[in-house]
């Protein structure tokens, strides 16, 4: 298989590229900073089982907001996995909101334009586009169970996700199968929400946030990559796909589980007002929640590696 990946140096991108390389796939990576990304790519991998030697990784320069994706990275490819986007975890000033939105919406538009140009080239366009999205699509919804058919929310992140997915869906008009992967809170000790939680919890001063009643739709990094690979392997996967574990938990449950795994108390509450003072509007990411279910993944027979929060945290911290 020949696959093109954007956002390869991110939390999930690094895991994904490692998995693809171990399959022996040929990988082209598109990056704003090709030199830094090249240095960050996995080295010295060994193939798994009876797989062929690890695939080559070719890193190319691309500014998603400023230019159309290079045709050379898209022609003759089997799949494109588009993960690029500015970090959500920053104070949402006007400039930050523009960066968050443009990096996803304009970047995806420029990627699809490049795929359209590749369609006219001798080797043709890719057959499959997996576009990143997020459970922020649903907005804050309390304890309401949500699946891929649930309507979108109306807050800032929901609006970004709707526009983001719309741009990716335009690739279907070029004949591609398209998946919008709505990823939950990824459990990975090297980055993301879990990495930010670890210092206070290890110090014994962690606890539930804003009362702890809001749902956290978590997913282990192994399962995010596993679902991505399933999407690549099986043409039955299309449209919106929730990448979340089958058993979401409340923030209070997550706090208690992390305390158990770390053998630390997890009783010190964090008031919502304090978070809003520190992070502004971005604090809504942790003070509100959504109970998102991976309905499509379960129907299509995906076998989750991590379904229990204590085991998943233990493995992530392993």
Protein backbone atom coordinates (compact mmCIF):
# COMPACT_ATOMS: atom_id res chain seq x y z
CA UNK A 1 0.00 0.00 0.00
CA UNK A 2 1.07 3.59 -0.71
CA UNK A 3 -0.29 6.16 1.71
CA UNK A 4 0.14 9.91 2.25
CA UNK A 5 -0.11 11.25 5.81
CA UNK A 6 -0.41 14.81 7.14
CA UNK A 7 0.04 15.69 10.81
CA UNK A 8 2.51 12.83 11.16
CA UNK A 9 4.50 14.46 13.95
CA UNK A 10 1.45 14.83 16.22
CA UNK A 11 0.34 12.59 19.07
CA UNK A 12 -1.62 10.17 16.88
CA UNK A 13 0.42 10.77 13.73
CA UNK A 14 3.58 9.33 15.26
CA UNK A 15 1.73 6.20 16.37
CA UNK A 16 0.08 5.84 12.98
CA UNK A 17 3.27 6.21 10.94
CA UNK A 18 4.96 3.61 13.13
CA UNK A 19 2.09 1.16 12.53
CA UNK A 20 2.06 1.81 8.78
CA UNK A 21 5.83 1.42 8.48
CA UNK A 22 5.70 -1.87 10.36
CA UNK A 23 3.19 -3.07 7.80
CA UNK A 24 5.76 -2.35 5.11
CA UNK A 25 3.64 0.40 3.54
CA UNK A 26 5.23 3.15 1.49
CA UNK A 27 4.58 6.45 3.29
CA UNK A 28 4.70 10.02 2.05
CA UNK A 29 4.44 12.62 4.80
CA UNK A 30 3.35 16.21 4.14
CA UNK A 31 4.57 18.74 6.70
CA UNK A 32 4.94 22.49 7.23
CA UNK A 33 8.45 21.79 8.56
CA UNK A 34 9.85 18.92 6.54
CA UNK A 35 13.28 18.91 8.23
CA UNK A 36 11.92 18.73 11.79
CA UNK A 37 9.31 16.14 10.83
CA UNK A 38 11.92 14.01 9.08
CA UNK A 39 13.94 13.92 12.31
CA UNK A 40 10.80 12.98 14.29
CA UNK A 41 9.90 9.99 12.13
CA UNK A 42 10.37 6.52 13.66
CA UNK A 43 13.73 4.91 13.06
CA UNK A 44 14.95 1.32 13.24
CA UNK A 45 11.54 -0.34 13.12
CA UNK A 46 11.27 -4.09 12.70
CA UNK A 47 8.47 -5.70 10.70
CA UNK A 48 5.71 -7.54 12.52
CA UNK A 49 5.10 -11.23 11.95
CA UNK A 50 5.57 -12.18 8.32
CA UNK A 51 5.38 -8.58 7.04
CA UNK A 52 7.86 -7.32 4.49
CA UNK A 53 10.65 -4.95 5.63
CA UNK A 54 9.43 -1.66 7.02
CA UNK A 55 8.14 0.85 4.52
CA UNK A 56 10.01 3.90 3.29
CA UNK A 57 9.06 7.31 4.71
CA UNK A 58 9.39 10.27 2.35
CA UNK A 59 8.80 13.71 3.91
CA UNK A 60 7.72 16.63 1.71
CA UNK A 61 7.11 20.31 2.45
CA UNK A 62 3.53 21.65 2.44
CA UNK A 63 1.88 24.66 4.04
CA UNK A 64 -1.78 23.58 4.26
CA UNK A 65 -3.23 27.06 4.68
CA UNK A 66 -1.14 28.78 2.00
CA UNK A 67 -1.02 26.32 -0.90
CA UNK A 68 -2.65 23.39 -2.65
CA UNK A 69 -1.24 20.01 -1.64
CA UNK A 70 1.54 18.87 -3.97
CA UNK A 71 0.32 16.54 -6.69
CA UNK A 72 3.55 14.54 -6.49
CA UNK A 73 2.57 13.37 -3.01
CA UNK A 74 -0.93 12.33 -4.07
CA UNK A 75 -0.73 10.63 -7.46
CA UNK A 76 -0.63 6.87 -7.44
CA UNK A 77 -1.45 6.65 -3.74
CA UNK A 78 -3.95 4.20 -2.30
CA UNK A 79 -4.98 6.38 0.62
CA UNK A 80 -4.54 9.78 2.25
CA UNK A 81 -4.80 10.20 6.03
CA UNK A 82 -5.22 13.85 6.93
CA UNK A 83 -4.48 14.66 10.59
CA UNK A 84 -2.97 18.15 10.37
CA UNK A 85 -4.41 20.97 12.48
CA UNK A 86 -3.31 23.58 15.00
CA UNK A 87 -3.53 22.59 18.65
CA UNK A 88 -6.89 23.09 20.35
CA UNK A 89 -5.24 23.34 23.77
CA UNK A 90 -4.46 27.04 23.80
CA UNK A 91 -6.28 30.12 25.03
CA UNK A 92 -8.91 30.88 22.42
CA UNK A 93 -8.10 34.43 21.42
CA UNK A 94 -9.49 35.69 18.14
CA UNK A 95 -6.19 34.88 16.43
CA UNK A 96 -6.09 31.41 17.96
CA UNK A 97 -9.61 30.64 16.81
CA UNK A 98 -8.71 31.67 13.27
CA UNK A 99 -5.63 29.45 13.38
CA UNK A 100 -7.59 26.48 14.74
CA UNK A 101 -10.28 26.86 12.09
CA UNK A 102 -8.12 27.73 9.07
CA UNK A 103 -5.59 24.96 9.72
CA UNK A 104 -8.44 22.46 9.49
CA UNK A 105 -10.97 23.94 7.08
CA UNK A 106 -8.69 25.73 4.61
CA UNK A 107 -6.04 23.03 4.98
CA UNK A 108 -8.52 20.29 4.09
CA UNK A 109 -9.86 22.35 1.18
CA UNK A 110 -6.31 22.69 -0.19
CA UNK A 111 -5.73 18.97 0.26
CA UNK A 112 -8.87 18.09 -1.71
CA UNK A 113 -7.86 20.55 -4.44
CA UNK A 114 -4.56 18.69 -4.71
CA UNK A 115 -6.41 15.38 -4.93
CA UNK A 116 -8.51 16.86 -7.74
CA UNK A 117 -5.35 17.83 -9.63
CA UNK A 118 -3.92 14.36 -9.02
CA UNK A 119 -7.01 12.86 -10.66
CA UNK A 120 -5.88 14.37 -13.96
CA UNK A 121 -2.33 13.01 -13.62
CA UNK A 122 -1.22 9.74 -15.28
CA UNK A 123 -1.23 7.66 -12.07
CA UNK A 124 -4.55 9.08 -10.87
CA UNK A 125 -5.91 10.16 -7.49
CA UNK A 126 -6.05 8.19 -4.24
CA UNK A 127 -9.01 5.92 -3.64
CA UNK A 128 -9.58 6.72 0.03
CA UNK A 129 -9.42 9.78 2.30
CA UNK A 130 -9.48 9.48 6.07
CA UNK A 131 -9.99 12.96 7.48
CA UNK A 132 -9.55 13.75 11.14
CA UNK A 133 -12.40 15.28 13.06
CA UNK A 134 -13.32 15.27 16.76
CA UNK A 135 -16.18 14.54 19.13
CA UNK A 136 -16.32 18.30 19.54
CA UNK A 137 -18.68 17.93 16.56
CA UNK A 138 -21.50 17.13 19.02
CA UNK A 139 -20.95 20.05 21.39
CA UNK A 140 -21.69 19.80 25.14
CA UNK A 141 -24.58 17.33 25.50
CA UNK A 142 -24.59 16.11 29.10
CA UNK A 143 -25.48 12.45 29.63
CA UNK A 144 -27.32 12.02 26.30
CA UNK A 145 -25.90 8.95 24.47
CA UNK A 146 -24.61 10.08 21.06
CA UNK A 147 -23.74 8.10 17.96
CA UNK A 148 -22.67 9.04 14.44
CA UNK A 149 -26.23 9.99 13.46
CA UNK A 150 -26.62 12.51 16.30
CA UNK A 151 -26.85 16.15 15.21
CA UNK A 152 -24.00 18.61 15.49
CA UNK A 153 -23.68 21.12 18.30
CA UNK A 154 -23.57 24.88 17.87
CA UNK A 155 -20.49 26.03 19.82
CA UNK A 156 -17.14 27.05 18.32
CA UNK A 157 -15.61 23.57 18.12
CA UNK A 158 -18.77 22.04 16.71
CA UNK A 159 -18.87 24.63 13.96
CA UNK A 160 -15.22 23.99 13.15
CA UNK A 161 -15.82 20.24 12.97
CA UNK A 162 -18.86 20.63 10.71
CA UNK A 163 -16.89 22.79 8.26
CA UNK A 164 -13.85 20.52 8.53
CA UNK A 165 -15.87 17.43 7.65
CA UNK A 166 -17.69 19.23 4.84
CA UNK A 167 -14.39 20.03 3.12
CA UNK A 168 -13.23 16.42 3.39
CA UNK A 169 -16.58 15.11 2.10
CA UNK A 170 -16.00 17.03 -1.14
CA UNK A 171 -13.45 14.34 -2.05
CA UNK A 172 -16.35 11.93 -2.54
CA UNK A 173 -17.25 13.92 -5.66
CA UNK A 174 -13.85 12.87 -7.02
CA UNK A 175 -14.70 9.22 -6.47
CA UNK A 176 -12.95 8.70 -3.14
CA UNK A 177 -14.34 6.78 -0.20
CA UNK A 178 -14.26 9.26 2.71
CA UNK A 179 -14.21 8.72 6.47
CA UNK A 180 -14.47 11.54 9.05
CA UNK A 181 -12.88 10.18 12.23
CA UNK A 182 -14.40 11.87 15.29
CA UNK A 183 -11.75 11.17 17.89
CA UNK A 184 -12.37 11.38 21.62
CA UNK A 185 -10.00 12.19 24.50
CA UNK A 186 -6.90 10.17 23.66
CA UNK A 187 -5.14 8.43 26.56
CA UNK A 188 -1.43 8.78 25.88
CA UNK A 189 1.08 9.74 28.56
CA UNK A 190 3.30 11.51 26.02
CA UNK A 191 0.79 14.24 25.20
CA UNK A 192 -2.77 15.48 25.15
CA UNK A 193 -5.15 15.63 28.11
CA UNK A 194 -3.59 12.76 30.08
CA UNK A 195 -0.12 14.31 30.02
CA UNK A 196 -1.58 17.55 31.43
CA UNK A 197 -3.37 15.64 34.21
CA UNK A 198 -0.35 13.67 35.38
CA UNK A 199 1.70 16.28 37.30
CA UNK A 200 -1.02 17.27 39.81
CA UNK A 201 -2.23 13.69 40.21
CA UNK A 202 1.29 12.41 40.80
CA UNK A 203 1.70 15.15 43.39
CA UNK A 204 -1.47 13.96 45.14
CA UNK A 205 -3.42 17.14 44.39
CA UNK A 206 -5.57 15.89 41.51
CA UNK A 207 -9.32 15.56 41.54
CA UNK A 208 -12.55 16.01 39.61
CA UNK A 209 -13.06 19.14 37.55
CA UNK A 210 -16.16 21.37 37.77
CA UNK A 211 -18.07 18.86 39.88
CA UNK A 212 -16.98 15.86 37.81
CA UNK A 213 -20.42 15.01 36.42
CA UNK A 214 -19.53 15.74 32.78
CA UNK A 215 -18.78 12.76 30.55
CA UNK A 216 -15.31 12.08 29.15
CA UNK A 217 -15.46 10.04 25.94
CA UNK A 218 -11.99 8.58 26.12
CA UNK A 219 -10.06 6.27 23.82
CA UNK A 220 -6.67 4.61 24.08
CA UNK A 221 -4.14 5.61 21.42
CA UNK A 222 -3.85 1.97 20.33
CA UNK A 223 -7.53 1.93 19.40
CA UNK A 224 -7.42 5.21 17.50
CA UNK A 225 -4.72 3.73 15.27
CA UNK A 226 -6.51 0.38 15.18
CA UNK A 227 -9.69 2.02 13.90
CA UNK A 228 -7.68 3.98 11.31
CA UNK A 229 -6.11 0.78 10.02
CA UNK A 230 -9.53 -0.90 9.89
CA UNK A 231 -10.80 2.04 7.81
CA UNK A 232 -7.89 1.56 5.40
CA UNK A 233 -8.38 -2.19 5.14
CA UNK A 234 -12.17 -2.45 4.81
CA UNK A 235 -14.28 -0.54 2.29
CA UNK A 236 -17.36 -0.89 4.51
CA UNK A 237 -16.02 1.97 6.64
CA UNK A 238 -17.27 5.31 5.33
CA UNK A 239 -18.81 8.56 6.54
CA UNK A 240 -18.59 9.64 10.17
CA UNK A 241 -16.85 7.23 12.58
CA UNK A 242 -16.58 7.83 16.33
CA UNK A 243 -13.16 6.83 17.65
CA UNK A 244 -14.12 6.45 21.32
CA UNK A 245 -14.11 3.54 23.75
CA UNK A 246 -17.43 1.72 24.27
CA UNK A 247 -17.68 2.84 27.92
CA UNK A 248 -17.32 6.60 28.41
CA UNK A 249 -16.92 7.70 32.02
CA UNK A 250 -17.59 10.85 34.00
CA UNK A 251 -14.76 13.19 34.88
CA UNK A 252 -15.08 12.06 38.49
CA UNK A 253 -14.77 8.40 37.44
CA UNK A 254 -11.71 9.22 35.35
CA UNK A 255 -10.13 11.09 38.27
CA UNK A 256 -10.71 8.19 40.67
CA UNK A 257 -9.34 5.70 38.14
CA UNK A 258 -6.20 7.75 37.56
CA UNK A 259 -5.72 8.04 41.31
CA UNK A 260 -6.00 4.25 41.68
CA UNK A 261 -3.51 3.61 38.89
CA UNK A 262 -1.03 6.11 40.33
CA UNK A 263 -1.73 5.07 43.95
CA UNK A 264 -2.46 8.67 44.83
CA UNK A 265 -5.49 10.43 46.32
CA UNK A 266 -7.81 12.05 43.78
CA UNK A 267 -10.07 14.08 45.99
CA UNK A 268 -9.08 17.72 45.50
CA UNK A 269 -11.77 19.34 43.35
CA UNK A 270 -10.89 21.86 40.64
CA UNK A 271 -13.59 24.56 40.35
CA UNK A 272 -14.79 25.57 36.91
CA UNK A 273 -14.21 29.23 37.75
CA UNK A 274 -10.50 28.64 38.24
CA UNK A 275 -10.19 26.93 34.87
CA UNK A 276 -12.08 29.71 33.11
CA UNK A 277 -9.78 32.26 34.71
CA UNK A 278 -6.75 30.38 33.41
CA UNK A 279 -7.93 29.29 29.96
CA UNK A 280 -10.96 31.40 29.07
CA UNK A 281 -13.40 29.83 26.62
CA UNK A 282 -11.08 26.87 26.03
CA UNK A 283 -11.90 25.67 29.57
CA UNK A 284 -15.22 24.40 28.20
CA UNK A 285 -13.31 21.40 26.84
CA UNK A 286 -13.08 19.99 30.36
CA UNK A 287 -15.97 21.67 32.18
CA UNK A 288 -18.55 20.27 29.73
CA UNK A 289 -18.75 16.90 28.09
CA UNK A 290 -20.48 14.53 25.71
CA UNK A 291 -21.31 10.83 26.05
CA UNK A 292 -20.19 9.55 22.67
CA UNK A 293 -20.58 5.90 21.63
CA UNK A 294 -18.59 4.13 18.87
CA UNK A 295 -21.70 2.67 17.23
CA UNK A 296 -20.29 2.24 13.74
CA UNK A 297 -17.05 0.64 14.94
CA UNK A 298 -19.03 -1.88 16.99
CA UNK A 299 -21.42 -2.68 14.14
CA UNK A 300 -18.48 -3.24 11.78
CA UNK A 301 -16.87 -5.62 14.25
CA UNK A 302 -13.89 -3.63 15.47
CA UNK A 303 -12.35 -5.42 18.44
CA UNK A 304 -11.33 -2.77 20.97
CA UNK A 305 -8.03 -3.45 22.72
CA UNK A 306 -8.90 -1.29 25.72
CA UNK A 307 -12.46 -1.04 27.03
CA UNK A 308 -12.01 -0.50 30.80
CA UNK A 309 -10.70 2.84 32.04
CA UNK A 310 -8.40 1.45 34.77
CA UNK A 311 -6.72 -0.99 32.41
CA UNK A 312 -6.44 1.62 29.66
CA UNK A 313 -4.81 4.15 31.98
CA UNK A 314 -2.46 1.53 33.36
CA UNK A 315 -1.38 0.56 29.86
CA UNK A 316 -1.02 4.18 28.72
CA UNK A 317 1.21 4.94 31.69
CA UNK A 318 3.04 1.63 31.38
